[in-house]
Amino acid sequence: MKYRLLTLLTLLLPFISIAQEKGLDEKINDAFMPVAVAWEGFILTPITIAGYNLPIVLILLIFGATFFTIYFKFPNIAKFPLAINTVRGKYDELDHHSVEKAELNIVDGDLVDTIADESKEGEVSHFQALATAVSGTVGLGNIAGVAVAIALGGPGATFWMIVCGLIGMSTKFVECTLGVKYRDVDANGTVYGGPMYYLSRGLKEQGFTRLGKILGGLFAILCVGASFGGGNAFQSNQAAVQLSTMLKLEGGAVGVIIGIILAILVGIVIIGGIKKIASVTEKIVPFMAVIYVLASLVIIFANVEYIGDAFGMIISGAFTPAAGIGGLVGVIIVGFQRAAFSNEAGAGSAAIAHSAVKTKYPASEGVVALLEPFIDTVVICTMTALVIIFFNMDAGAFEYGNSVNSTVLLTETGAYVGGVDLTSMAYDSVIPGFRYVLTIAIILFAFSTMISWSYYGLQSWKYLFGRGKRADVVYKILFLLFVVIGAAATLDAVIKFSDAMILALVFPNMVGLLFLFPRVKDEMDKYLADIKAFVKG
C-alpha cells in the first residue's frame, strides 16, 4: 500500500512543483477546451427534422424511453405501487436462497450502496436500500446541473427535466432488469455486470454475436471516458469552484492545488485500499442529502404563496422559452441533457451497480430502480429549480437565457457565475450561512460520486483489458489525473466534455435495449406470476 501511495504522489509531483505558476489553470483549460468542444460537437451531431436541428443522441434517448413507456404500458405509473411494495419488502419471501455481500460492496457512492443494502438478507429492508440509493444520487447533478439548466433555458427547462425523469423511469427499469439477467460471476463469487455484459451476452443469445461484441466493447470504452468526465472532472470542477469561492481563493493555480488535494484523497481510497474514508463518507453523505432536501423544503414552504406562479413560469416557459436558448427545441435539449446527467437513465451506468444484487427475479431489481429517476429528477431536481426560481423572482438576480459558456450574468454585479455558485446564492438568500453547509455537502457528494464512478469505469476497463492488478493501477492513475484536470478547467469546458461522455453511452446502450426488451417482458411476467401465486398462497 505504501508503494502505491508513493507512486501516486510521484505522478502528481509535476503538478505540485508548478502549481504556483501564474495561469496554470488557464493553460490546462486551454489545452482541454478544444478536446471538449470537438467531442461535444461529435456526440451532439444533429439531423434536420421538420426544420429543426435535433441531436441524434437525444432523439435516440427520447424515442427509446417513450417506446419502453408505451410498450410496458406505462410502468412509471402502473408499476409504481408494485415498486413501493417491493421496496418495503412485501415480497421478500419470494427469494429463498441465502445471500452474501458481494466483494464490490466496499465501494461507497451512488447506487453501489443499493447493492450493500439489498445483498444481505435480513440486514436491511428494500425501503432502506432505496433510501440509501437516493441519498447517494442527490449530488452535483441536482445542485449544479439544475442551476445550469435554468440559467441556459429558463424555468421551462425544469418542465422537460421532469418529463425526461418520468419516461426515464421506464428505461431504468429495462436496463437494470437486463443487468441482473446477464451478469457474470467469477469463481470467487465476485459479480461483474452492466451494459457491456448484457449487450454481448444478450445479443449473442439472439444470434447477433458480432454486433453484441461491438456494442459491448464500445460501451466499455465510452464508460471509461464517462468515468473521467461526468463521474470525475465535473465533480472536482464544481467542488473546486465552491471551495475557492467560499474561501475567497485567487490565483492561476488554485484549481490545480485543490484538484491535487482531491486526487490524493480519492487515491487513498481507490489505490491505497483504505476503506475507512469511504466508510465515513458512506455515513455522512446520506446525512448531507437529508439536510439539502430539508433546506429545500424550508425555502419552498417559506415561499408557498409563490408556488403557483413558479409552476406557471415552468409550464409557460416550456413552450415559450427564454430568449437566447434557440427556441422550443433549445429548451427541450437543455432540459433533457441535464436530466440525463442527473439520473443517467438510458446511459446504463446504474445497471453496472445493480447487476451485483442477488435475487431470483431480475425484474424485481428493475422495479426498485424504476423509482430512482422519479425521486432524483422529478422530486429533488424540481425542489432545486423552485428555490432558484423563487430567488430570481425576489432578487431579479439574473436574466434567463442570458448566458455565456454555461454561466449566467448577474444583474447587480455584472459578474458571471454558473452551476454551484448560483445554487449557493439562492439557498443562502433565505438561509444565511447555508453556503458553508452546501460547500461541505458538495465536497462530500463529489468525493463519493468520484469513488462510485471509479468503480463503474474500472468495471468497464476490466472488461476491455482483463481483471489483473496491473490493469487496475493504470486505470486508477488515469482517473486521478482527470481529477486535477477537472478542477483546473472552466465549467464550460468540463460540462461540454462531461455531457458528451454521459450522452455517448446512450448510443450502444439504447441500441442494445431496443433488441433485448422482450427479455425484460419475460422476466416481468415471471415475477408477476410468482407474486400472484405468493399472494394467493
Protein backbone atom coordinates (compact mmCIF):
# COMPACT_ATOMS: atom_id res chain seq x y z
CA MET A 1 0.00 0.00 0.00
CA LYS A 2 2.84 2.41 0.82
CA TYR A 3 4.36 1.71 -2.59
CA ARG A 4 1.07 2.54 -4.29
CA LEU A 5 0.68 5.82 -2.41
CA LEU A 6 4.29 6.73 -3.20
CA THR A 7 3.57 6.04 -6.88
CA LEU A 8 0.53 8.32 -6.69
CA LEU A 9 2.49 11.17 -5.13
CA THR A 10 5.31 10.75 -7.66
CA LEU A 11 2.89 11.02 -10.56
CA LEU A 12 1.30 14.14 -9.11
CA LEU A 13 4.65 15.74 -8.24
CA PRO A 14 4.99 17.58 -11.59
CA PHE A 15 1.65 19.26 -10.93
CA ILE A 16 2.65 20.17 -7.39
CA SER A 17 6.03 21.59 -8.40
CA ILE A 18 4.49 24.00 -10.93
CA ALA A 19 1.27 24.72 -9.04
CA GLN A 20 2.39 28.24 -8.16
CA GLU A 21 2.98 29.20 -11.77
CA LYS A 22 0.62 32.03 -12.75
CA GLY A 23 -2.01 30.98 -15.20
CA LEU A 24 -1.54 27.25 -14.84
CA ASP A 25 -5.31 26.71 -14.59
CA GLU A 26 -5.74 28.67 -17.80
CA LYS A 27 -3.07 26.63 -19.58
CA ILE A 28 -4.73 23.37 -18.61
CA ASN A 29 -8.11 24.75 -19.64
CA ASP A 30 -6.77 25.99 -22.99
CA ALA A 31 -5.41 22.52 -23.72
CA PHE A 32 -8.59 20.76 -22.59
CA MET A 33 -11.18 23.05 -24.21
CA PRO A 34 -10.57 22.06 -27.89
CA VAL A 35 -10.95 18.40 -26.96
CA ALA A 36 -14.19 19.12 -25.08
CA VAL A 37 -15.63 21.22 -27.91
CA ALA A 38 -14.74 18.69 -30.60
CA TRP A 39 -16.15 15.76 -28.62
CA GLU A 40 -19.37 17.61 -27.77
CA GLY A 41 -19.82 18.58 -31.40
CA PHE A 42 -19.40 14.98 -32.50
CA ILE A 43 -21.77 13.45 -29.93
CA LEU A 44 -24.42 16.15 -30.42
CA THR A 45 -24.33 15.85 -34.22
CA PRO A 46 -27.81 16.93 -35.34
CA ILE A 47 -30.15 15.89 -38.10
CA THR A 48 -32.85 18.15 -39.51
CA ILE A 49 -36.45 17.13 -38.84
CA ALA A 50 -39.31 19.46 -39.80
CA GLY A 51 -36.87 22.32 -39.99
CA TYR A 52 -35.38 21.68 -36.53
CA ASN A 53 -31.81 20.55 -35.88
CA LEU A 54 -32.09 17.73 -33.36
CA PRO A 55 -29.11 15.88 -31.84
CA ILE A 56 -29.28 12.22 -32.87
CA VAL A 57 -28.38 11.04 -29.38
CA LEU A 58 -31.32 12.87 -27.80
CA ILE A 59 -33.68 11.52 -30.45
CA LEU A 60 -32.49 8.02 -29.56
CA LEU A 61 -32.83 8.72 -25.83
CA ILE A 62 -36.32 10.20 -26.11
CA PHE A 63 -37.57 7.64 -28.64
CA GLY A 64 -36.28 4.72 -26.60
CA ALA A 65 -37.69 5.96 -23.30
CA THR A 66 -41.05 6.77 -24.90
CA PHE A 67 -41.19 3.37 -26.63
CA PHE A 68 -40.45 1.49 -23.39
CA THR A 69 -43.05 3.56 -21.57
CA ILE A 70 -45.73 2.64 -24.12
CA TYR A 71 -44.65 -0.98 -24.70
CA PHE A 72 -44.60 -1.82 -20.99
CA LYS A 73 -47.93 0.01 -20.56
CA PHE A 74 -46.61 2.98 -18.60
CA PRO A 75 -44.62 1.16 -15.91
CA ASN A 76 -43.67 4.55 -14.46
CA ILE A 77 -47.31 4.80 -13.37
CA ALA A 78 -48.81 1.30 -13.47
CA LYS A 79 -45.88 -0.39 -11.69
CA PHE A 80 -45.39 2.39 -9.15
CA PRO A 81 -47.45 0.59 -6.45
CA LEU A 82 -45.56 -2.65 -7.18
CA ALA A 83 -42.27 -0.78 -6.85
CA ILE A 84 -43.35 0.62 -3.49
CA ASN A 85 -44.41 -2.84 -2.26
CA THR A 86 -41.15 -4.39 -3.46
CA VAL A 87 -39.16 -1.68 -1.73
CA ARG A 88 -40.97 -2.09 1.55
CA GLY A 89 -40.27 -5.83 1.49
CA LYS A 90 -43.76 -7.17 0.87
CA TYR A 91 -42.43 -9.88 -1.48
CA ASP A 92 -39.11 -10.62 0.18
CA GLU A 93 -40.16 -14.18 0.96
CA LEU A 94 -40.15 -14.98 -2.76
CA ASP A 95 -36.37 -15.23 -2.50
CA HIS A 96 -35.44 -18.34 -0.53
CA HIS A 97 -31.72 -18.54 -1.17
CA SER A 98 -29.16 -17.17 1.26
CA VAL A 99 -27.36 -14.04 0.21
CA GLU A 100 -23.87 -12.89 0.98
CA LYS A 101 -22.36 -9.46 0.48
CA ALA A 102 -20.52 -9.11 -2.83
CA GLU A 103 -16.90 -8.00 -2.88
CA LEU A 104 -17.67 -4.74 -4.69
CA ASN A 105 -19.94 -3.50 -1.91
CA ILE A 106 -16.94 -2.00 -0.11
CA VAL A 107 -17.18 0.86 -2.60
CA ASP A 108 -19.02 3.92 -1.35
CA GLY A 109 -21.27 6.03 -3.53
CA ASP A 110 -24.34 6.28 -5.65
CA LEU A 111 -26.13 3.05 -6.49
CA VAL A 112 -23.35 0.87 -5.12
CA ASP A 113 -24.93 1.48 -1.74
CA THR A 114 -28.06 -0.24 -3.01
CA ILE A 115 -26.01 -3.40 -3.50
CA ALA A 116 -24.66 -3.27 0.02
CA ASP A 117 -28.16 -2.82 1.41
CA GLU A 118 -30.04 -5.36 -0.70
CA SER A 119 -27.50 -8.14 -0.85
CA LYS A 120 -27.59 -9.12 2.82
CA GLU A 121 -30.79 -10.95 3.59
CA GLY A 122 -32.41 -9.84 6.82
CA GLU A 123 -29.99 -6.97 7.40
CA VAL A 124 -31.95 -4.11 5.85
CA SER A 125 -35.27 -3.67 4.10
CA HIS A 126 -35.90 -2.69 0.49
CA PHE A 127 -37.05 0.69 1.76
CA GLN A 128 -33.70 1.26 3.45
CA ALA A 129 -31.97 0.18 0.27
CA LEU A 130 -33.86 2.73 -1.83
CA ALA A 131 -33.32 5.46 0.77
CA THR A 132 -29.59 4.80 0.66
CA ALA A 133 -29.53 4.84 -3.13
CA VAL A 134 -31.48 8.08 -3.38
CA SER A 135 -29.29 9.78 -0.78
CA GLY A 136 -26.35 8.83 -2.94
CA THR A 137 -27.87 10.23 -6.15
CA VAL A 138 -28.57 13.60 -4.54
CA GLY A 139 -25.38 15.21 -5.74
CA LEU A 140 -23.94 17.76 -8.08
CA GLY A 141 -26.36 16.86 -10.86
CA ASN A 142 -29.17 18.08 -8.61
CA ILE A 143 -27.25 21.06 -7.20
CA ALA A 144 -25.17 22.42 -10.07
CA GLY A 145 -26.86 20.74 -13.04
CA VAL A 146 -30.30 22.23 -12.34
CA ALA A 147 -28.80 25.70 -12.00
CA VAL A 148 -27.10 25.33 -15.38
CA ALA A 149 -30.38 24.18 -16.96
CA ILE A 150 -32.37 27.15 -15.63
CA ALA A 151 -29.62 29.65 -16.43
CA LEU A 152 -29.49 28.45 -20.03
CA GLY A 153 -33.11 27.51 -20.70
CA GLY A 154 -35.13 29.44 -18.16
CA PRO A 155 -37.78 27.92 -15.86
CA GLY A 156 -39.19 25.93 -18.80
CA ALA A 157 -36.15 23.66 -18.78
CA THR A 158 -37.48 22.28 -15.48
CA PHE A 159 -40.60 21.01 -17.24
CA TRP A 160 -38.55 19.00 -19.72
CA MET A 161 -36.32 17.69 -16.94
CA ILE A 162 -39.46 16.35 -15.25
CA VAL A 163 -40.67 14.77 -18.50
CA CYS A 164 -37.26 13.16 -19.00
CA GLY A 165 -37.33 11.84 -15.45
CA LEU A 166 -40.79 10.31 -15.89
CA ILE A 167 -40.08 8.46 -19.13
CA GLY A 168 -36.55 7.70 -17.90
CA MET A 169 -38.14 5.54 -15.19
CA SER A 170 -39.12 3.06 -17.91
CA THR A 171 -35.60 2.99 -19.36
CA LYS A 172 -34.05 2.47 -15.93
CA PHE A 173 -36.44 -0.43 -15.35
CA VAL A 174 -35.38 -2.10 -18.61
CA GLU A 175 -31.61 -1.67 -18.26
CA CYS A 176 -31.41 -2.71 -14.60
CA THR A 177 -33.50 -5.82 -15.22
CA LEU A 178 -31.15 -6.82 -18.04
CA GLY A 179 -28.14 -6.01 -15.86
CA VAL A 180 -29.15 -8.67 -13.35
CA LYS A 181 -30.21 -11.21 -16.00
CA TYR A 182 -26.92 -11.21 -17.95
CA ARG A 183 -24.36 -10.60 -15.21
CA ASP A 184 -21.17 -12.63 -14.86
CA VAL A 185 -19.96 -14.26 -11.63
CA ASP A 186 -16.37 -15.46 -11.36
CA ALA A 187 -15.01 -18.45 -9.42
CA ASN A 188 -14.62 -16.31 -6.29
CA GLY A 189 -18.25 -15.20 -6.36
CA THR A 190 -17.41 -11.66 -7.46
CA VAL A 191 -20.12 -10.20 -9.67
CA TYR A 192 -19.43 -8.33 -12.92
CA GLY A 193 -22.25 -6.74 -14.80
CA GLY A 194 -23.59 -3.83 -16.77
CA PRO A 195 -24.43 -3.00 -20.38
CA MET A 196 -21.15 -4.43 -21.72
CA TYR A 197 -22.29 -7.84 -20.45
CA TYR A 198 -25.96 -7.73 -21.42
CA LEU A 199 -25.04 -6.31 -24.82
CA SER A 200 -22.52 -9.05 -25.59
CA ARG A 201 -24.36 -11.94 -23.92
CA GLY A 202 -27.90 -10.89 -24.70
CA LEU A 203 -27.29 -10.18 -28.38
CA LYS A 204 -25.29 -13.40 -28.74
CA GLU A 205 -28.29 -15.23 -27.36
CA GLN A 206 -30.36 -13.72 -30.17
CA GLY A 207 -27.83 -14.63 -32.85
CA PHE A 208 -26.13 -11.24 -33.12
CA THR A 209 -22.78 -12.27 -31.66
CA ARG A 210 -20.62 -9.84 -33.60
CA LEU A 211 -22.95 -6.89 -33.02
CA GLY A 212 -23.03 -7.72 -29.30
CA LYS A 213 -19.24 -7.72 -29.07
CA ILE A 214 -19.01 -4.41 -30.92
CA LEU A 215 -21.67 -2.68 -28.82
CA GLY A 216 -20.35 -4.16 -25.56
CA GLY A 217 -16.80 -3.05 -26.34
CA LEU A 218 -17.95 0.39 -27.47
CA PHE A 219 -19.96 0.87 -24.29
CA ALA A 220 -16.98 -0.14 -22.15
CA ILE A 221 -14.70 2.35 -23.94
CA LEU A 222 -17.23 5.17 -23.60
CA CYS A 223 -17.95 4.30 -19.97
CA VAL A 224 -14.26 4.66 -19.15
CA GLY A 225 -14.42 8.11 -20.75
CA ALA A 226 -17.62 8.95 -18.87
CA SER A 227 -15.93 8.00 -15.60
CA PHE A 228 -13.21 10.54 -16.43
CA GLY A 229 -15.77 13.20 -17.38
CA GLY A 230 -19.16 13.32 -15.70
CA GLY A 231 -18.18 10.98 -12.90
CA ASN A 232 -14.92 12.76 -12.18
CA ALA A 233 -13.92 16.03 -13.88
CA PHE A 234 -17.35 17.66 -13.37
CA GLN A 235 -17.36 16.66 -9.72
CA SER A 236 -13.88 18.00 -8.98
CA ASN A 237 -14.61 21.17 -11.00
CA GLN A 238 -17.69 22.13 -9.02
CA ALA A 239 -16.09 21.19 -5.71
CA ALA A 240 -13.10 23.40 -6.58
CA VAL A 241 -15.36 26.28 -7.65
CA GLN A 242 -17.42 26.19 -4.47
CA LEU A 243 -14.38 25.82 -2.21
CA SER A 244 -12.42 28.63 -3.86
CA THR A 245 -15.49 30.91 -3.73
CA MET A 246 -16.17 30.25 -0.05
CA LEU A 247 -12.52 30.67 0.97
CA LYS A 248 -12.03 33.57 -1.49
CA LEU A 249 -9.02 31.88 -3.06
CA GLU A 250 -7.49 33.50 -6.12
CA GLY A 251 -4.56 32.75 -8.38
CA GLY A 252 -3.64 30.96 -11.54
CA ALA A 253 -3.13 27.60 -9.85
CA VAL A 254 -5.93 27.41 -7.28
CA GLY A 255 -7.83 24.81 -9.28
CA VAL A 256 -4.73 22.65 -9.69
CA ILE A 257 -3.93 22.75 -5.98
CA ILE A 258 -7.49 21.84 -4.97
CA GLY A 259 -7.51 19.14 -7.65
CA ILE A 260 -4.29 17.64 -6.31
CA ILE A 261 -5.71 17.51 -2.78
CA LEU A 262 -8.89 15.84 -4.05
CA ALA A 263 -6.85 13.41 -6.17
CA ILE A 264 -4.76 12.38 -3.17
CA LEU A 265 -7.86 11.80 -1.02
CA VAL A 266 -9.58 9.79 -3.74
CA GLY A 267 -6.32 7.94 -4.43
CA ILE A 268 -6.02 6.90 -0.79
CA VAL A 269 -9.32 5.05 -1.23
CA ILE A 270 -9.09 3.63 -4.76
CA ILE A 271 -5.32 2.96 -4.91
CA GLY A 272 -4.27 2.76 -1.30
CA GLY A 273 -7.07 0.39 -0.47
CA ILE A 274 -8.01 2.33 2.67
CA LYS A 275 -11.71 1.78 3.22
CA LYS A 276 -12.09 3.92 6.34
CA ILE A 277 -12.59 7.18 4.44
CA ALA A 278 -15.15 5.55 2.17
CA SER A 279 -16.89 4.12 5.21
CA VAL A 280 -17.09 7.54 6.87
CA THR A 281 -18.33 9.16 3.66
CA GLU A 282 -20.99 6.47 3.31
CA LYS A 283 -22.44 7.56 6.63
CA ILE A 284 -22.11 11.33 6.12
CA VAL A 285 -23.39 11.64 2.55
CA PRO A 286 -26.95 10.45 3.33
CA PHE A 287 -27.00 12.89 6.25
CA MET A 288 -25.94 15.78 3.99
CA ALA A 289 -28.54 14.72 1.41
CA VAL A 290 -31.28 14.90 4.05
CA ILE A 291 -30.08 18.36 5.12
CA TYR A 292 -30.18 19.54 1.49
CA VAL A 293 -33.72 18.25 0.96
CA LEU A 294 -34.93 19.74 4.26
CA ALA A 295 -33.39 23.11 3.38
CA SER A 296 -35.16 22.98 0.02
CA LEU A 297 -38.49 22.24 1.71
CA VAL A 298 -37.98 25.10 4.21
CA ILE A 299 -37.43 27.57 1.36
CA ILE A 300 -40.37 26.20 -0.65
CA PHE A 301 -42.75 26.47 2.31
CA ALA A 302 -41.42 29.95 3.08
CA ASN A 303 -42.49 30.93 -0.43
CA VAL A 304 -45.66 28.85 -0.53
CA GLU A 305 -47.72 31.74 -1.90
CA TYR A 306 -45.46 31.86 -4.97
CA ILE A 307 -45.56 28.15 -5.81
CA GLY A 308 -48.42 28.64 -8.27
CA ASP A 309 -46.55 31.45 -10.02
CA ALA A 310 -43.36 29.41 -10.16
CA PHE A 311 -45.07 26.42 -11.74
CA GLY A 312 -46.82 28.79 -14.11
CA MET A 313 -43.40 30.01 -15.24
CA ILE A 314 -42.17 26.42 -15.57
CA ILE A 315 -45.11 25.36 -17.75
CA SER A 316 -45.31 28.51 -19.88
CA GLY A 317 -41.53 28.63 -20.24
CA ALA A 318 -41.51 25.06 -21.51
CA PHE A 319 -43.33 26.19 -24.66
CA THR A 320 -42.28 29.85 -24.83
CA PRO A 321 -38.61 29.62 -23.80
CA ALA A 322 -36.29 32.41 -22.77
CA ALA A 323 -34.52 34.38 -25.48
CA GLY A 324 -31.10 33.18 -26.50
CA ILE A 325 -31.73 29.48 -25.98
CA GLY A 326 -32.67 28.72 -29.56
CA GLY A 327 -36.43 28.37 -29.26
CA LEU A 328 -38.53 25.45 -28.11
CA VAL A 329 -36.11 22.79 -29.32
CA GLY A 330 -33.28 24.50 -27.46
CA VAL A 331 -35.03 24.43 -24.10
CA ILE A 332 -36.06 20.79 -24.60
CA ILE A 333 -32.45 19.87 -25.36
CA VAL A 334 -31.20 21.68 -22.25
CA GLY A 335 -33.82 20.01 -20.03
CA PHE A 336 -33.15 16.51 -21.32
CA GLN A 337 -29.36 16.92 -21.19
CA ARG A 338 -29.40 17.97 -17.57
CA ALA A 339 -31.93 15.30 -16.55
CA ALA A 340 -29.93 12.58 -18.30
CA PHE A 341 -26.81 13.79 -16.49
CA SER A 342 -28.62 13.70 -13.15
CA ASN A 343 -30.39 10.32 -13.28
CA GLU A 344 -28.33 8.58 -16.03
CA ALA A 345 -31.42 6.73 -17.30
CA GLY A 346 -30.52 5.44 -20.75
CA ALA A 347 -26.80 5.70 -20.12
CA GLY A 348 -26.72 2.26 -18.49
CA SER A 349 -24.33 3.09 -15.66
CA ALA A 350 -26.89 2.17 -13.00
CA ALA A 351 -27.02 -1.37 -14.36
CA ILE A 352 -23.33 -1.84 -13.53
CA ALA A 353 -24.12 -1.43 -9.86
CA HIS A 354 -27.49 -3.18 -9.75
CA SER A 355 -26.12 -6.22 -11.55
CA ALA A 356 -24.49 -7.45 -8.33
CA VAL A 357 -27.71 -7.63 -6.35
CA LYS A 358 -28.55 -11.27 -5.62
CA THR A 359 -32.17 -12.05 -6.36
CA LYS A 360 -34.08 -14.79 -8.13
CA TYR A 361 -36.01 -12.16 -10.07
CA PRO A 362 -34.11 -9.71 -12.28
CA ALA A 363 -37.33 -7.74 -12.78
CA SER A 364 -37.58 -7.07 -9.04
CA GLU A 365 -34.37 -5.07 -9.21
CA GLY A 366 -35.63 -3.27 -12.31
CA VAL A 367 -38.78 -2.31 -10.43
CA VAL A 368 -36.76 -0.97 -7.49
CA ALA A 369 -34.54 1.04 -9.84
CA LEU A 370 -37.63 2.48 -11.53
CA LEU A 371 -38.23 4.73 -8.52
CA GLU A 372 -34.84 6.43 -8.64
CA PRO A 373 -35.36 8.83 -11.60
CA PHE A 374 -38.68 9.83 -10.05
CA ILE A 375 -37.19 10.76 -6.70
CA ASP A 376 -33.92 12.13 -8.07
CA THR A 377 -35.19 14.16 -11.02
CA VAL A 378 -38.96 14.61 -10.69
CA VAL A 379 -38.86 15.42 -6.97
CA ILE A 380 -35.43 16.65 -5.89
CA CYS A 381 -34.37 18.44 -9.08
CA THR A 382 -37.74 20.20 -9.08
CA MET A 383 -37.09 21.33 -5.50
CA THR A 384 -33.79 22.89 -6.52
CA ALA A 385 -35.42 24.53 -9.53
CA LEU A 386 -38.15 26.08 -7.38
CA VAL A 387 -35.58 27.50 -4.95
CA ILE A 388 -33.65 29.14 -7.82
CA ILE A 389 -36.83 30.48 -9.43
CA PHE A 390 -38.01 31.94 -6.08
CA PHE A 391 -34.59 33.54 -5.66
CA ASN A 392 -34.75 35.20 -9.05
CA MET A 393 -38.38 36.30 -8.58
CA ASP A 394 -37.39 38.07 -5.39
CA ALA A 395 -33.94 39.42 -6.22
CA GLY A 396 -34.03 39.71 -10.00
CA ALA A 397 -30.50 38.37 -9.84
CA PHE A 398 -30.17 37.31 -13.48
CA GLU A 399 -31.94 37.24 -16.82
CA TYR A 400 -32.98 33.81 -18.07
CA GLY A 401 -31.18 32.73 -21.21
CA ASN A 402 -28.56 35.49 -20.90
CA SER A 403 -25.65 33.12 -20.53
CA VAL A 404 -22.11 32.71 -21.76
CA ASN A 405 -20.15 29.46 -21.57
CA SER A 406 -22.65 27.74 -19.25
CA THR A 407 -22.61 30.67 -16.84
CA VAL A 408 -25.19 33.38 -16.15
CA LEU A 409 -24.68 37.13 -15.93
CA LEU A 410 -25.64 38.60 -12.55
CA THR A 411 -27.69 41.77 -12.95
CA GLU A 412 -26.27 43.68 -9.98
CA THR A 413 -22.55 42.92 -10.15
CA GLY A 414 -22.08 42.14 -13.82
CA ALA A 415 -20.16 39.01 -12.86
CA TYR A 416 -20.65 35.63 -14.48
CA VAL A 417 -21.46 32.69 -12.24
CA GLY A 418 -22.69 29.24 -13.02
CA GLY A 419 -23.68 25.92 -11.64
CA VAL A 420 -22.99 25.53 -7.99
CA ASP A 421 -22.37 29.26 -7.34
CA LEU A 422 -25.89 30.16 -8.47
CA THR A 423 -27.49 27.45 -6.34
CA SER A 424 -25.42 28.51 -3.35
CA MET A 425 -26.60 32.13 -3.71
CA ALA A 426 -30.23 31.03 -3.94
CA TYR A 427 -30.13 28.95 -0.76
CA ASP A 428 -28.05 31.49 1.13
CA SER A 429 -30.57 34.25 0.38
CA VAL A 430 -33.18 32.50 2.54
CA ILE A 431 -30.98 30.54 4.96
CA PRO A 432 -27.99 32.83 5.72
CA GLY A 433 -24.75 30.92 6.04
CA PHE A 434 -26.13 27.83 4.27
CA ARG A 435 -23.39 28.22 1.64
CA TYR A 436 -20.95 26.80 4.18
CA VAL A 437 -23.12 23.74 4.74
CA LEU A 438 -23.60 23.44 0.99
CA THR A 439 -19.85 23.60 0.44
CA ILE A 440 -19.30 20.65 2.78
CA ALA A 441 -22.14 18.76 1.09
CA ILE A 442 -20.75 19.45 -2.39
CA ILE A 443 -17.28 18.21 -1.46
CA LEU A 444 -18.73 15.04 0.07
CA PHE A 445 -21.09 14.46 -2.86
CA ALA A 446 -18.23 14.99 -5.30
CA PHE A 447 -15.97 12.67 -3.33
CA SER A 448 -18.49 9.83 -3.10
CA THR A 449 -19.54 10.21 -6.74
CA MET A 450 -15.92 10.04 -7.91
CA ILE A 451 -15.40 6.86 -5.92
CA SER A 452 -18.59 5.35 -7.36
CA TRP A 453 -17.67 6.26 -10.93
CA SER A 454 -14.16 4.95 -10.44
CA TYR A 455 -15.86 1.61 -9.84
CA TYR A 456 -18.06 1.95 -12.95
CA GLY A 457 -15.07 2.89 -15.07
CA LEU A 458 -12.91 0.16 -13.57
CA GLN A 459 -15.52 -2.48 -14.36
CA SER A 460 -15.52 -1.32 -17.97
CA TRP A 461 -11.70 -1.19 -18.02
CA LYS A 462 -11.57 -4.77 -16.76
CA TYR A 463 -13.99 -5.83 -19.47
CA LEU A 464 -11.58 -4.38 -22.05
CA PHE A 465 -8.17 -5.24 -20.58
CA GLY A 466 -8.74 -8.12 -18.19
CA ARG A 467 -9.04 -8.37 -14.43
CA GLY A 468 -5.37 -8.19 -13.47
CA LYS A 469 -3.89 -5.85 -10.86
CA ARG A 470 -1.66 -4.01 -13.34
CA ALA A 471 -4.68 -3.01 -15.45
CA ASP A 472 -6.37 -1.77 -12.26
CA VAL A 473 -3.48 0.51 -11.34
CA VAL A 474 -3.18 2.01 -14.83
CA TYR A 475 -6.87 2.92 -14.86
CA LYS A 476 -6.79 4.42 -11.37
CA ILE A 477 -3.80 6.61 -12.20
CA LEU A 478 -5.55 7.99 -15.29
CA PHE A 479 -8.68 8.56 -13.23
CA LEU A 480 -6.77 10.62 -10.67
CA LEU A 481 -5.14 12.77 -13.35
CA PHE A 482 -8.61 13.77 -14.54
CA VAL A 483 -9.47 14.89 -11.00
CA VAL A 484 -6.76 17.54 -11.39
CA ILE A 485 -7.74 18.43 -14.97
CA GLY A 486 -11.39 18.88 -13.99
CA ALA A 487 -10.58 21.13 -11.04
CA ALA A 488 -8.32 23.34 -13.18
CA ALA A 489 -10.57 23.68 -16.25
CA THR A 490 -13.54 26.02 -16.63
CA LEU A 491 -17.12 24.87 -16.10
CA ASP A 492 -17.85 25.33 -19.81
CA ALA A 493 -15.04 23.03 -20.91
CA VAL A 494 -15.81 20.42 -18.27
CA ILE A 495 -19.57 20.40 -18.83
CA LYS A 496 -19.15 20.07 -22.60
CA PHE A 497 -16.87 17.06 -22.17
CA SER A 498 -18.89 15.52 -19.31
CA ASP A 499 -22.27 15.89 -21.02
CA ALA A 500 -20.94 14.40 -24.23
CA MET A 501 -19.35 11.44 -22.44
CA ILE A 502 -22.52 10.59 -20.48
CA LEU A 503 -24.73 11.00 -23.55
CA ALA A 504 -22.34 8.94 -25.69
CA LEU A 505 -23.25 5.91 -23.56
CA VAL A 506 -26.79 6.18 -24.88
CA PHE A 507 -25.76 5.07 -28.40
CA PRO A 508 -24.63 1.48 -27.69
CA ASN A 509 -26.84 1.04 -24.63
CA MET A 510 -30.13 2.15 -26.19
CA VAL A 511 -29.49 0.20 -29.41
CA GLY A 512 -28.99 -2.91 -27.30
CA LEU A 513 -32.08 -2.23 -25.20
CA LEU A 514 -34.20 -1.99 -28.35
CA PHE A 515 -33.04 -5.52 -29.25
CA LEU A 516 -33.36 -7.02 -25.76
CA PHE A 517 -36.53 -5.50 -24.32
CA PRO A 518 -38.61 -8.69 -24.98
CA ARG A 519 -36.41 -10.46 -22.40
CA VAL A 520 -37.47 -7.85 -19.86
CA LYS A 521 -41.11 -8.63 -20.56
CA ASP A 522 -40.41 -12.33 -19.97
CA GLU A 523 -38.74 -11.57 -16.65
CA MET A 524 -41.53 -9.20 -15.62
CA ASP A 525 -44.21 -11.78 -16.46
CA LYS A 526 -42.35 -14.36 -14.39
CA TYR A 527 -42.04 -12.00 -11.41
CA LEU A 528 -45.72 -11.00 -11.58
CA ALA A 529 -46.86 -14.63 -11.89
CA ASP A 530 -44.89 -15.66 -8.82
CA ILE A 531 -46.19 -12.67 -6.89
CA LYS A 532 -49.74 -13.65 -7.82
CA ALA A 533 -49.13 -17.21 -6.65
CA PHE A 534 -47.45 -15.93 -3.48
CA VAL A 535 -50.41 -13.68 -2.63
CA LYS A 536 -52.94 -16.46 -3.26
CA GLY A 537 -50.89 -18.99 -1.30
